[in-house]
N, C-alpha and C. Protein backbone atom coordinates (compact mmCIF):
# COMPACT_ATOMS: atom_id res chain seq x y z
N UNK A 1 0.68 -1.60 -0.14
CA UNK A 1 -0.06 0.11 0.10
C UNK A 1 0.96 1.15 -0.19
N UNK A 2 0.56 2.41 -0.80
CA UNK A 2 1.17 3.42 -0.73
C UNK A 2 0.85 4.43 -0.12
N UNK A 3 -0.57 4.67 0.09
CA UNK A 3 -0.69 5.95 1.05
C UNK A 3 -2.64 5.72 1.39
N UNK A 4 -3.38 6.37 2.16
CA UNK A 4 -5.19 6.41 1.94
C UNK A 4 -5.06 8.16 2.03
N UNK A 5 -6.24 8.39 1.49
CA UNK A 5 -6.66 9.80 1.38
C UNK A 5 -7.57 9.74 1.62
N UNK A 6 -8.55 10.55 2.14
CA UNK A 6 -9.60 10.90 2.52
C UNK A 6 -10.22 10.87 4.05
N UNK A 7 -9.73 10.26 4.02
CA UNK A 7 -10.05 9.83 5.67
C UNK A 7 -10.47 10.88 6.32
N UNK A 8 -9.42 11.89 6.64
CA UNK A 8 -9.19 13.09 7.59
C UNK A 8 -10.58 13.61 7.07
N UNK A 9 -11.09 14.22 5.44
CA UNK A 9 -11.91 14.43 5.03
C UNK A 9 -13.18 14.12 5.92
N UNK A 10 -13.73 12.61 5.99
CA UNK A 10 -14.92 12.29 6.87
C UNK A 10 -15.05 12.30 8.10
N UNK A 11 -13.91 12.63 8.37
CA UNK A 11 -13.59 12.22 10.25
C UNK A 11 -14.64 13.23 10.73
N UNK A 12 -15.30 13.92 10.37
CA UNK A 12 -15.74 14.97 11.00
C UNK A 12 -17.76 15.05 10.49
N UNK A 13 -17.58 14.08 9.28
CA UNK A 13 -18.59 13.95 9.13
C UNK A 13 -19.99 13.38 9.93
N UNK A 14 -21.14 14.03 10.38
CA UNK A 14 -21.61 13.79 11.48
C UNK A 14 -22.53 12.46 11.60
N UNK A 15 -22.81 11.73 10.37
CA UNK A 15 -23.10 10.32 10.02
C UNK A 15 -21.70 9.45 10.08
N UNK A 16 -20.75 9.81 10.37
CA UNK A 16 -19.57 8.76 10.62
C UNK A 16 -19.62 7.48 11.75
N UNK A 17 -19.76 6.97 12.45
CA UNK A 17 -19.32 6.33 13.70
C UNK A 17 -18.72 5.89 14.21
N UNK A 18 -17.96 5.01 12.41
CA UNK A 18 -16.75 4.66 12.92
C UNK A 18 -15.67 4.34 11.62
N UNK A 19 -14.49 4.73 11.57
CA UNK A 19 -13.67 4.57 10.31
C UNK A 19 -12.33 3.74 10.82
N UNK A 20 -12.11 2.61 10.47
CA UNK A 20 -10.98 2.18 10.78
C UNK A 20 -10.12 2.16 9.59
N UNK A 21 -9.15 2.35 9.46
CA UNK A 21 -8.07 1.86 8.28
C UNK A 21 -6.47 0.86 8.55
N UNK A 22 -7.00 0.00 8.38
CA UNK A 22 -6.08 -1.32 9.40
C UNK A 22 -4.65 -1.29 8.48
N UNK A 23 -4.49 -0.32 7.36
CA UNK A 23 -2.96 -0.64 6.58
C UNK A 23 -2.50 0.15 6.89
N UNK A 24 -0.76 0.46 6.31
CA UNK A 24 -0.37 1.51 6.43
C UNK A 24 1.04 1.69 5.38
N UNK A 25 1.42 2.31 4.83
CA UNK A 25 1.79 2.37 3.66
C UNK A 25 3.63 1.60 3.83
N UNK A 26 3.35 0.83 2.56
CA UNK A 26 4.74 -0.38 2.89
C UNK A 26 3.73 -1.96 3.29
N UNK A 27 2.86 -1.80 3.66
CA UNK A 27 1.77 -3.40 3.98
C UNK A 27 1.71 -3.58 2.41
N UNK A 28 1.51 -5.09 2.45
CA UNK A 28 1.03 -5.11 1.22
C UNK A 28 -0.39 -5.81 1.31
N UNK A 29 -1.49 -5.50 0.48
CA UNK A 29 -2.55 -5.32 0.60
C UNK A 29 -3.12 -6.66 -0.57
N UNK A 30 -3.68 -7.60 -0.42
CA UNK A 30 -3.73 -8.97 -0.60
C UNK A 30 -5.09 -8.96 -1.61
N UNK A 31 -5.59 -9.64 -2.28
CA UNK A 31 -7.01 -10.09 -2.74
C UNK A 31 -7.88 -10.63 -1.18
N UNK A 32 -9.45 -9.51 -1.48
CA UNK A 32 -9.86 -9.87 -0.46
C UNK A 32 -10.75 -11.43 -0.72
N UNK A 33 -10.40 -12.37 0.00
CA UNK A 33 -10.76 -13.55 -0.46
C UNK A 33 -11.41 -13.83 1.41
N UNK A 34 -11.64 -13.70 2.15
CA UNK A 34 -11.48 -13.79 3.34
C UNK A 34 -11.25 -12.45 4.09
N UNK A 35 -12.09 -12.47 5.47
CA UNK A 35 -12.41 -11.15 6.27
C UNK A 35 -10.88 -11.21 6.82
N UNK A 36 -10.08 -11.56 7.12
CA UNK A 36 -8.69 -11.35 7.59
C UNK A 36 -8.10 -10.33 6.13
N UNK A 37 -8.62 -10.46 4.92
CA UNK A 37 -7.84 -9.04 4.30
C UNK A 37 -8.28 -7.91 3.84
N UNK A 38 -9.32 -7.87 4.96
CA UNK A 38 -9.65 -6.34 4.66
C UNK A 38 -8.95 -5.19 5.27
N UNK A 39 -9.37 -4.11 5.00
CA UNK A 39 -7.99 -2.94 4.63
C UNK A 39 -9.03 -1.90 5.95
N UNK A 40 -10.08 -2.10 6.10
CA UNK A 40 -10.58 -1.34 6.83
C UNK A 40 -12.01 -1.52 6.93
N UNK A 41 -12.77 -0.88 7.59
CA UNK A 41 -14.29 -1.11 7.63
C UNK A 41 -14.61 0.77 7.45
N UNK A 42 -16.03 1.29 7.38
CA UNK A 42 -17.08 2.68 7.53
C UNK A 42 -17.91 1.51 8.18
N UNK A 43 -18.45 2.42 9.25
CA UNK A 43 -19.93 2.20 10.21
C UNK A 43 -21.06 4.00 10.01
N UNK A 44 -21.72 3.55 9.33
CA UNK A 44 -22.17 5.46 9.68
C UNK A 44 -23.94 5.05 9.80
N UNK A 45 -24.31 6.17 10.04
CA UNK A 45 -26.01 6.27 11.08
C UNK A 45 -26.49 6.98 9.96
N UNK A 46 -28.15 6.86 10.30
CA UNK A 46 -28.89 7.02 9.61
C UNK A 46 -30.36 6.99 10.19
N UNK A 47 -31.24 7.91 9.67
CA UNK A 47 -33.17 7.74 10.12
C UNK A 47 -33.65 6.65 9.73
N UNK A 48 -32.67 6.09 8.69
CA UNK A 48 -33.81 4.89 7.88
C UNK A 48 -32.40 3.84 7.89
N UNK A 49 -32.55 2.91 7.28
CA UNK A 49 -31.64 1.52 7.11
C UNK A 49 -31.22 1.89 5.90
N UNK A 50 -32.41 2.53 4.81
CA UNK A 50 -31.44 2.85 3.85
C UNK A 50 -30.49 4.33 3.07
N UNK A 51 -30.77 4.79 4.27
CA UNK A 51 -30.21 6.19 4.65
C UNK A 51 -28.53 5.96 5.20
N UNK A 52 -28.65 4.73 6.26
CA UNK A 52 -27.43 4.76 6.85
C UNK A 52 -26.14 3.58 5.80
N UNK A 53 -27.18 3.01 4.50
CA UNK A 53 -26.34 2.49 3.92
C UNK A 53 -25.39 3.25 2.81
N UNK A 54 -26.59 4.22 2.81
CA UNK A 54 -26.28 5.37 1.48
C UNK A 54 -25.18 6.21 2.33
N UNK A 55 -25.21 6.06 3.31
CA UNK A 55 -24.27 7.71 4.14
C UNK A 55 -23.16 6.75 4.05
N UNK A 56 -23.03 5.29 4.14
CA UNK A 56 -21.66 4.75 4.09
C UNK A 56 -21.44 4.52 3.03
N UNK A 57 -21.95 4.30 1.95
CA UNK A 57 -21.31 4.73 0.41
C UNK A 57 -20.72 5.59 -0.26
N UNK A 58 -21.60 7.28 0.79
CA UNK A 58 -21.00 8.42 0.07
C UNK A 58 -19.36 8.14 0.88
N UNK A 59 -19.52 8.28 2.30
CA UNK A 59 -18.06 7.82 2.81
C UNK A 59 -17.12 6.92 2.53
N UNK A 60 -17.22 5.69 1.78
CA UNK A 60 -16.96 4.83 1.43
C UNK A 60 -15.79 5.36 -0.25
N UNK A 61 -16.51 6.06 -1.16
CA UNK A 61 -16.47 6.74 -1.98
C UNK A 61 -15.37 8.16 -2.05
N UNK A 62 -15.21 8.60 -0.25
CA UNK A 62 -14.50 9.43 -0.37
C UNK A 62 -13.10 9.17 -0.04
N UNK A 63 -12.75 7.60 0.69
CA UNK A 63 -11.62 7.60 0.71
C UNK A 63 -11.24 6.73 -0.24
N UNK A 64 -9.53 7.05 -0.42
CA UNK A 64 -8.98 5.96 -1.44
C UNK A 64 -7.95 5.41 -0.80
N UNK A 65 -7.39 3.93 -1.62
CA UNK A 65 -6.36 3.94 -1.29
C UNK A 65 -5.53 3.06 -1.91
N UNK A 66 -4.19 3.89 -2.33
CA UNK A 66 -3.67 3.95 -3.54
C UNK A 66 -2.45 2.41 -3.13
N UNK A 67 -2.45 1.13 -4.21
CA UNK A 67 -1.61 0.69 -3.84
C UNK A 67 -0.59 0.52 -5.33
N UNK A 68 0.18 -0.44 -5.08
CA UNK A 68 1.31 -0.45 -6.00
C UNK A 68 1.26 -2.25 -6.87
N UNK A 69 0.95 -2.23 -8.03
CA UNK A 69 1.62 -4.09 -8.07
C UNK A 69 2.82 -4.33 -7.24
N UNK A 70 1.97 -5.56 -6.87
CA UNK A 70 4.13 -6.12 -6.54
C UNK A 70 4.32 -7.12 -7.85
N UNK A 71 5.82 -6.76 -7.94
CA UNK A 71 6.48 -7.87 -9.20
C UNK A 71 7.61 -8.52 -8.82
């Protein structure tokens, strides 16, 4: 993994309950084949389940994890 961007931008969003990024620059990011391969998660709230899901998707879209291929 090279860089994570956008996490600071969403940190103050009132719908954000929890943001965890579990990788740092230099870590290997593997293809997602089981839960241990996840690189983080977002939990958001909303007035309805649909709104909470939409908020999660919006917050996730603002975070970018840049990687480079392993040679």
